[in-house]
Protein backbone atom coordinates (compact mmCIF):
# COMPACT_ATOMS: atom_id res chain seq x y z
CA UNK A 1 174.70 -30.74 231.73
CA UNK A 2 173.20 -33.94 230.41
CA UNK A 3 172.27 -36.49 233.05
CA UNK A 4 174.92 -39.18 233.59
CA UNK A 5 172.56 -41.99 232.48
CA UNK A 6 171.86 -40.28 229.14
CA UNK A 7 175.44 -40.17 227.87
CA UNK A 8 178.04 -42.70 226.86
CA UNK A 9 181.74 -42.13 227.26
CA UNK A 10 184.53 -44.25 225.74
CA UNK A 11 188.28 -44.16 225.18
CA UNK A 12 190.11 -45.60 222.18
CA UNK A 13 193.86 -46.02 221.86
CA UNK A 14 196.20 -46.93 219.02
CA UNK A 15 199.98 -46.56 219.10
CA UNK A 16 200.50 -43.06 220.55
CA UNK A 17 197.01 -41.72 219.79
CA UNK A 18 194.23 -41.46 222.35
CA UNK A 19 190.61 -40.53 221.52
CA UNK A 20 188.00 -39.76 224.16
CA UNK A 21 184.43 -39.84 222.86
CA UNK A 22 181.27 -38.53 224.50
CA UNK A 23 177.93 -39.45 222.90
CA UNK A 24 174.69 -37.90 224.14
CA UNK A 25 171.17 -37.15 222.82
CA UNK A 26 171.13 -34.16 220.47
CA UNK A 27 170.78 -33.01 216.89
CA UNK A 28 173.66 -34.89 215.26
CA UNK A 29 176.39 -32.29 215.75
CA UNK A 30 180.02 -33.41 215.83
CA UNK A 31 182.85 -31.64 217.64
CA UNK A 32 186.47 -32.80 217.39
CA UNK A 33 188.92 -30.90 219.58
CA UNK A 34 186.39 -28.06 219.65
CA UNK A 35 186.07 -27.88 215.85
CA UNK A 36 183.19 -29.06 213.60
CA UNK A 37 183.65 -32.39 211.79
CA UNK A 38 183.93 -30.76 208.33
CA UNK A 39 186.63 -28.37 209.56
CA UNK A 40 188.70 -31.03 211.31
CA UNK A 41 188.34 -33.57 208.47
CA UNK A 42 187.99 -31.60 205.20
CA UNK A 43 188.03 -34.77 203.05
CA UNK A 44 184.50 -36.01 202.43
CA UNK A 45 185.70 -39.63 202.45
CA UNK A 46 186.94 -39.22 206.04
CA UNK A 47 183.68 -37.60 207.13
CA UNK A 48 181.62 -40.39 205.57
CA UNK A 49 183.72 -43.07 207.25
CA UNK A 50 183.40 -41.40 210.64
CA UNK A 51 179.62 -41.00 210.40
CA UNK A 52 179.04 -44.49 208.98
CA UNK A 53 178.41 -46.39 212.28
CA UNK A 54 175.55 -44.08 213.29
CA UNK A 55 174.09 -44.19 209.78
CA UNK A 56 174.16 -47.99 209.63
CA UNK A 57 172.35 -48.22 212.97
CA UNK A 58 169.88 -45.52 211.86
CA UNK A 59 170.94 -43.29 214.76
CA UNK A 60 172.40 -40.38 212.77
CA UNK A 61 170.89 -37.04 213.71
CA UNK A 62 169.82 -38.35 217.12
CA UNK A 63 173.08 -37.90 219.03
CA UNK A 64 175.74 -35.25 219.42
CA UNK A 65 179.33 -36.47 219.48
CA UNK A 66 182.20 -34.71 221.23
CA UNK A 67 185.70 -36.07 220.68
CA UNK A 68 189.06 -35.13 222.16
CA UNK A 69 192.06 -36.53 220.26
CA UNK A 70 195.76 -36.43 221.15
CA UNK A 71 198.66 -37.85 219.17
CA UNK A 72 198.68 -39.55 215.79
CA UNK A 73 197.73 -37.85 212.53
CA UNK A 74 194.50 -37.06 210.73
CA UNK A 75 194.20 -40.41 208.99
């Protein structure tokens, strides 16, 4: 398990949806509800929008992201 100081955890809410995000040092792998990013979001435009914050801050490929989502839809 990654040391507590090396990971960041956050919760986001909108209407009935809740997303819990865990960010920690890694190789840039994404997991959403246990599935890879490309499997959970097959549209390339969705994938690009999700990865954009890490790309803009030049942090892509340096962190793994695990997300648990409940409620809402894909978009």
